[in-house]
Amino acid sequence: MLTRIVKLTFQEDKIDDFLSFFNTINTRVSTFENCYGMRLLQDIKHPNIIFTYSNWKDETALNNYRDSELFAGVWSTIKPWFGGKPEAWSVNTYFEDGNFFPNQS
């Protein structure tokens, strides 16, 4: 399983816009084919910093989402609200919620 962690830094006056928008699309993203769920995390000391944490079957599944109309619409909406360059990491998940995934490639 692949986990994608994305750090998004927003302009401080746009964080409420982002959270409202995210509320309208979160189910569509988290139920995208071969997505095993996602989380939205907000930094306690810097509330304009948001992390998305999503689990995917594999890199192909993630790329299918990234090449989708859904992603294009999300990105084009939120990009003007950024206050910093987004950062992203794709990592193999070996253990989560009591489940062990030993055969990562």
N, C-alpha and C. Protein backbone atom coordinates (compact mmCIF):
# COMPACT_ATOMS: atom_id res chain seq x y z
N MET A 1 0.85 -1.18 0.00
CA MET A 1 0.00 0.00 0.00
C MET A 1 0.89 1.24 0.00
N LEU A 2 0.50 2.23 -0.78
CA LEU A 2 1.24 3.48 -0.87
C LEU A 2 0.49 4.55 -0.08
N THR A 3 1.22 5.29 0.71
CA THR A 3 0.64 6.41 1.44
C THR A 3 1.19 7.69 0.84
N ARG A 4 0.31 8.63 0.56
CA ARG A 4 0.70 9.93 0.00
C ARG A 4 0.46 10.98 1.08
N ILE A 5 1.50 11.72 1.40
CA ILE A 5 1.43 12.80 2.38
C ILE A 5 1.71 14.09 1.63
N VAL A 6 0.80 15.03 1.72
CA VAL A 6 0.96 16.31 1.03
C VAL A 6 0.82 17.43 2.06
N LYS A 7 1.80 18.32 2.06
CA LYS A 7 1.77 19.50 2.92
C LYS A 7 1.36 20.70 2.08
N LEU A 8 0.29 21.34 2.49
CA LEU A 8 -0.23 22.52 1.79
C LEU A 8 -0.19 23.71 2.74
N THR A 9 0.46 24.78 2.32
CA THR A 9 0.49 26.01 3.10
C THR A 9 -0.39 27.02 2.39
N PHE A 10 -1.39 27.50 3.11
CA PHE A 10 -2.36 28.44 2.54
C PHE A 10 -2.12 29.85 3.05
N GLN A 11 -2.57 30.81 2.27
CA GLN A 11 -2.63 32.18 2.76
C GLN A 11 -3.58 32.16 3.97
N GLU A 12 -3.23 32.89 5.01
CA GLU A 12 -4.02 32.81 6.24
C GLU A 12 -5.48 33.17 6.04
N ASP A 13 -5.77 34.09 5.13
CA ASP A 13 -7.17 34.49 4.92
C ASP A 13 -7.92 33.53 3.98
N LYS A 14 -7.27 32.46 3.53
CA LYS A 14 -7.91 31.50 2.62
C LYS A 14 -8.17 30.14 3.26
N ILE A 15 -7.75 29.96 4.50
CA ILE A 15 -7.90 28.64 5.12
C ILE A 15 -9.37 28.26 5.27
N ASP A 16 -10.24 29.19 5.63
CA ASP A 16 -11.66 28.87 5.76
C ASP A 16 -12.26 28.52 4.40
N ASP A 17 -11.81 29.20 3.34
CA ASP A 17 -12.27 28.86 1.99
C ASP A 17 -11.87 27.43 1.65
N PHE A 18 -10.64 27.08 1.97
CA PHE A 18 -10.18 25.73 1.67
C PHE A 18 -10.98 24.70 2.45
N LEU A 19 -11.16 24.90 3.74
CA LEU A 19 -11.87 23.92 4.55
C LEU A 19 -13.32 23.76 4.08
N SER A 20 -13.96 24.85 3.71
CA SER A 20 -15.33 24.77 3.17
C SER A 20 -15.33 24.00 1.86
N PHE A 21 -14.39 24.29 0.98
CA PHE A 21 -14.31 23.59 -0.30
C PHE A 21 -14.02 22.11 -0.08
N PHE A 22 -13.08 21.80 0.80
CA PHE A 22 -12.72 20.41 1.05
C PHE A 22 -13.94 19.62 1.51
N ASN A 23 -14.78 20.25 2.30
CA ASN A 23 -15.99 19.58 2.79
C ASN A 23 -16.90 19.16 1.64
N THR A 24 -16.80 19.83 0.50
CA THR A 24 -17.66 19.48 -0.64
C THR A 24 -17.08 18.37 -1.51
N ILE A 25 -15.78 18.08 -1.39
CA ILE A 25 -15.15 17.11 -2.28
C ILE A 25 -14.51 15.92 -1.56
N ASN A 26 -14.45 15.95 -0.23
CA ASN A 26 -13.69 14.92 0.49
C ASN A 26 -14.18 13.50 0.22
N THR A 27 -15.47 13.30 0.13
CA THR A 27 -15.99 11.95 -0.12
C THR A 27 -15.63 11.48 -1.51
N ARG A 28 -15.68 12.38 -2.48
CA ARG A 28 -15.34 11.99 -3.85
C ARG A 28 -13.87 11.58 -3.96
N VAL A 29 -13.01 12.26 -3.22
CA VAL A 29 -11.59 11.91 -3.25
C VAL A 29 -11.36 10.60 -2.50
N SER A 30 -11.90 10.49 -1.29
CA SER A 30 -11.61 9.31 -0.46
C SER A 30 -12.25 8.03 -0.99
N THR A 31 -13.22 8.16 -1.90
CA THR A 31 -13.82 6.97 -2.49
C THR A 31 -13.40 6.78 -3.95
N PHE A 32 -12.40 7.53 -4.38
CA PHE A 32 -11.87 7.35 -5.73
C PHE A 32 -11.35 5.91 -5.85
N GLU A 33 -11.44 5.35 -7.05
CA GLU A 33 -11.04 3.96 -7.26
C GLU A 33 -9.64 3.68 -6.72
N ASN A 34 -9.53 2.66 -5.91
CA ASN A 34 -8.28 2.18 -5.30
C ASN A 34 -7.68 3.15 -4.29
N CYS A 35 -8.50 4.08 -3.79
CA CYS A 35 -8.11 4.90 -2.63
C CYS A 35 -8.70 4.22 -1.41
N TYR A 36 -7.87 3.99 -0.41
CA TYR A 36 -8.30 3.31 0.80
C TYR A 36 -8.57 4.27 1.94
N GLY A 37 -8.87 5.53 1.59
CA GLY A 37 -9.23 6.52 2.59
C GLY A 37 -8.20 7.63 2.69
N MET A 38 -8.66 8.72 3.29
CA MET A 38 -7.75 9.85 3.48
C MET A 38 -8.09 10.58 4.76
N ARG A 39 -7.14 11.38 5.20
CA ARG A 39 -7.30 12.24 6.37
C ARG A 39 -6.86 13.63 6.01
N LEU A 40 -7.45 14.60 6.68
CA LEU A 40 -7.02 15.99 6.55
C LEU A 40 -6.57 16.41 7.94
N LEU A 41 -5.35 16.89 8.03
CA LEU A 41 -4.74 17.26 9.30
C LEU A 41 -4.34 18.73 9.26
N GLN A 42 -4.57 19.43 10.37
CA GLN A 42 -4.23 20.85 10.44
C GLN A 42 -3.22 21.07 11.56
N ASP A 43 -2.16 21.79 11.24
CA ASP A 43 -1.12 22.09 12.22
C ASP A 43 -1.71 22.92 13.36
N ILE A 44 -1.38 22.59 14.58
CA ILE A 44 -1.93 23.28 15.76
C ILE A 44 -1.37 24.70 15.88
N LYS A 45 -0.06 24.86 15.70
CA LYS A 45 0.56 26.17 15.87
C LYS A 45 0.47 27.05 14.63
N HIS A 46 0.32 26.43 13.48
CA HIS A 46 0.24 27.17 12.21
C HIS A 46 -0.99 26.65 11.45
N PRO A 47 -2.18 27.14 11.79
CA PRO A 47 -3.41 26.58 11.21
C PRO A 47 -3.55 26.75 9.71
N ASN A 48 -2.68 27.54 9.09
CA ASN A 48 -2.72 27.67 7.63
C ASN A 48 -1.94 26.55 6.94
N ILE A 49 -1.35 25.64 7.74
CA ILE A 49 -0.66 24.48 7.19
C ILE A 49 -1.55 23.26 7.35
N ILE A 50 -1.83 22.64 6.21
CA ILE A 50 -2.72 21.48 6.15
C ILE A 50 -1.94 20.31 5.54
N PHE A 51 -2.19 19.13 6.05
CA PHE A 51 -1.63 17.91 5.47
C PHE A 51 -2.76 17.02 5.01
N THR A 52 -2.61 16.44 3.83
CA THR A 52 -3.49 15.36 3.44
C THR A 52 -2.68 14.08 3.54
N TYR A 53 -3.35 13.05 3.99
CA TYR A 53 -2.73 11.76 4.22
C TYR A 53 -3.68 10.75 3.58
N SER A 54 -3.28 10.17 2.46
CA SER A 54 -4.17 9.26 1.75
C SER A 54 -3.47 7.94 1.45
N ASN A 55 -4.25 6.87 1.45
CA ASN A 55 -3.74 5.53 1.18
C ASN A 55 -4.26 5.05 -0.16
N TRP A 56 -3.36 4.48 -0.95
CA TRP A 56 -3.67 4.02 -2.30
C TRP A 56 -3.17 2.61 -2.49
N LYS A 57 -3.82 1.89 -3.38
CA LYS A 57 -3.41 0.51 -3.69
C LYS A 57 -1.95 0.47 -4.10
N ASP A 58 -1.57 1.40 -4.99
CA ASP A 58 -0.20 1.45 -5.50
C ASP A 58 0.00 2.78 -6.23
N GLU A 59 1.17 2.95 -6.80
CA GLU A 59 1.49 4.20 -7.47
C GLU A 59 0.59 4.43 -8.70
N THR A 60 0.23 3.37 -9.38
CA THR A 60 -0.67 3.49 -10.53
C THR A 60 -2.01 4.07 -10.10
N ALA A 61 -2.53 3.61 -8.98
CA ALA A 61 -3.81 4.13 -8.48
C ALA A 61 -3.70 5.62 -8.15
N LEU A 62 -2.61 6.00 -7.51
CA LEU A 62 -2.40 7.42 -7.20
C LEU A 62 -2.30 8.23 -8.48
N ASN A 63 -1.55 7.74 -9.45
CA ASN A 63 -1.40 8.47 -10.71
C ASN A 63 -2.71 8.57 -11.48
N ASN A 64 -3.55 7.54 -11.39
CA ASN A 64 -4.87 7.63 -12.02
C ASN A 64 -5.68 8.77 -11.41
N TYR A 65 -5.60 8.94 -10.10
CA TYR A 65 -6.27 10.07 -9.45
C TYR A 65 -5.64 11.39 -9.91
N ARG A 66 -4.32 11.46 -9.91
CA ARG A 66 -3.64 12.70 -10.28
C ARG A 66 -3.90 13.10 -11.72
N ASP A 67 -4.23 12.14 -12.58
CA ASP A 67 -4.55 12.41 -13.98
C ASP A 67 -6.05 12.61 -14.22
N SER A 68 -6.85 12.60 -13.17
CA SER A 68 -8.30 12.65 -13.31
C SER A 68 -8.83 14.09 -13.39
N GLU A 69 -10.05 14.20 -13.89
CA GLU A 69 -10.75 15.50 -13.91
C GLU A 69 -10.99 15.99 -12.49
N LEU A 70 -11.27 15.06 -11.58
CA LEU A 70 -11.51 15.44 -10.18
C LEU A 70 -10.29 16.16 -9.62
N PHE A 71 -9.11 15.57 -9.77
CA PHE A 71 -7.89 16.21 -9.26
C PHE A 71 -7.66 17.55 -9.94
N ALA A 72 -7.84 17.61 -11.25
CA ALA A 72 -7.63 18.87 -11.98
C ALA A 72 -8.54 19.96 -11.43
N GLY A 73 -9.77 19.62 -11.14
CA GLY A 73 -10.70 20.60 -10.59
C GLY A 73 -10.34 21.04 -9.19
N VAL A 74 -9.92 20.08 -8.37
CA VAL A 74 -9.51 20.41 -7.00
C VAL A 74 -8.29 21.32 -7.04
N TRP A 75 -7.28 20.92 -7.80
CA TRP A 75 -6.02 21.67 -7.83
C TRP A 75 -6.22 23.08 -8.37
N SER A 76 -7.01 23.22 -9.44
CA SER A 76 -7.20 24.55 -10.01
C SER A 76 -7.98 25.47 -9.06
N THR A 77 -8.81 24.88 -8.22
CA THR A 77 -9.55 25.69 -7.24
C THR A 77 -8.66 26.15 -6.10
N ILE A 78 -7.84 25.24 -5.55
CA ILE A 78 -7.07 25.59 -4.35
C ILE A 78 -5.73 26.25 -4.63
N LYS A 79 -5.19 26.07 -5.81
CA LYS A 79 -3.85 26.61 -6.11
C LYS A 79 -3.74 28.12 -5.87
N PRO A 80 -4.73 28.94 -6.24
CA PRO A 80 -4.61 30.39 -5.97
C PRO A 80 -4.58 30.74 -4.48
N TRP A 81 -4.97 29.82 -3.63
CA TRP A 81 -5.02 30.09 -2.20
C TRP A 81 -3.71 29.75 -1.49
N PHE A 82 -2.75 29.16 -2.21
CA PHE A 82 -1.50 28.74 -1.58
C PHE A 82 -0.70 29.95 -1.11
N GLY A 83 -0.07 29.76 0.04
CA GLY A 83 0.84 30.76 0.57
C GLY A 83 2.28 30.27 0.55
N GLY A 84 2.47 29.08 0.03
CA GLY A 84 3.80 28.48 -0.07
C GLY A 84 3.73 27.33 -1.04
N LYS A 85 4.89 26.83 -1.41
CA LYS A 85 4.96 25.74 -2.37
C LYS A 85 4.52 24.43 -1.71
N PRO A 86 3.60 23.69 -2.34
CA PRO A 86 3.20 22.38 -1.78
C PRO A 86 4.38 21.41 -1.77
N GLU A 87 4.36 20.53 -0.80
CA GLU A 87 5.36 19.47 -0.70
C GLU A 87 4.63 18.15 -0.63
N ALA A 88 5.21 17.10 -1.23
CA ALA A 88 4.53 15.81 -1.23
C ALA A 88 5.54 14.67 -1.11
N TRP A 89 5.09 13.62 -0.45
CA TRP A 89 5.89 12.41 -0.27
C TRP A 89 5.01 11.21 -0.55
N SER A 90 5.55 10.26 -1.29
CA SER A 90 4.91 8.95 -1.46
C SER A 90 5.77 7.95 -0.70
N VAL A 91 5.14 7.22 0.21
CA VAL A 91 5.88 6.29 1.06
C VAL A 91 5.16 4.94 1.08
N ASN A 92 5.93 3.88 1.24
CA ASN A 92 5.33 2.57 1.44
C ASN A 92 4.82 2.48 2.87
N THR A 93 3.67 1.89 3.03
CA THR A 93 3.10 1.66 4.36
C THR A 93 3.36 0.21 4.74
N TYR A 94 4.05 0.00 5.85
CA TYR A 94 4.37 -1.34 6.32
C TYR A 94 3.46 -1.77 7.45
N PHE A 95 2.96 -0.81 8.22
CA PHE A 95 2.11 -1.15 9.36
C PHE A 95 1.12 -0.02 9.58
N GLU A 96 -0.15 -0.39 9.76
CA GLU A 96 -1.17 0.61 10.08
C GLU A 96 -2.36 -0.09 10.72
N ASP A 97 -2.83 0.48 11.82
CA ASP A 97 -4.05 0.00 12.49
C ASP A 97 -4.04 -1.51 12.73
N GLY A 98 -2.93 -2.03 13.17
CA GLY A 98 -2.83 -3.45 13.48
C GLY A 98 -2.58 -4.35 12.29
N ASN A 99 -2.46 -3.76 11.10
CA ASN A 99 -2.21 -4.53 9.88
C ASN A 99 -0.77 -4.34 9.43
N PHE A 100 -0.13 -5.44 9.07
CA PHE A 100 1.24 -5.43 8.60
C PHE A 100 1.25 -5.74 7.12
N PHE A 101 1.99 -4.95 6.34
CA PHE A 101 2.08 -5.10 4.89
C PHE A 101 3.54 -5.39 4.52
N PRO A 102 3.99 -6.65 4.67
CA PRO A 102 5.41 -6.94 4.51
C PRO A 102 5.95 -6.95 3.09
N ASN A 103 5.13 -7.09 2.08
CA ASN A 103 5.62 -7.26 0.71
C ASN A 103 5.55 -5.97 -0.08
N GLN A 104 6.28 -4.98 0.34
CA GLN A 104 6.33 -3.71 -0.37
C GLN A 104 7.45 -3.76 -1.39
N SER A 105 7.21 -3.20 -2.57
CA SER A 105 8.28 -3.17 -3.57
C SER A 105 8.73 -1.76 -3.80
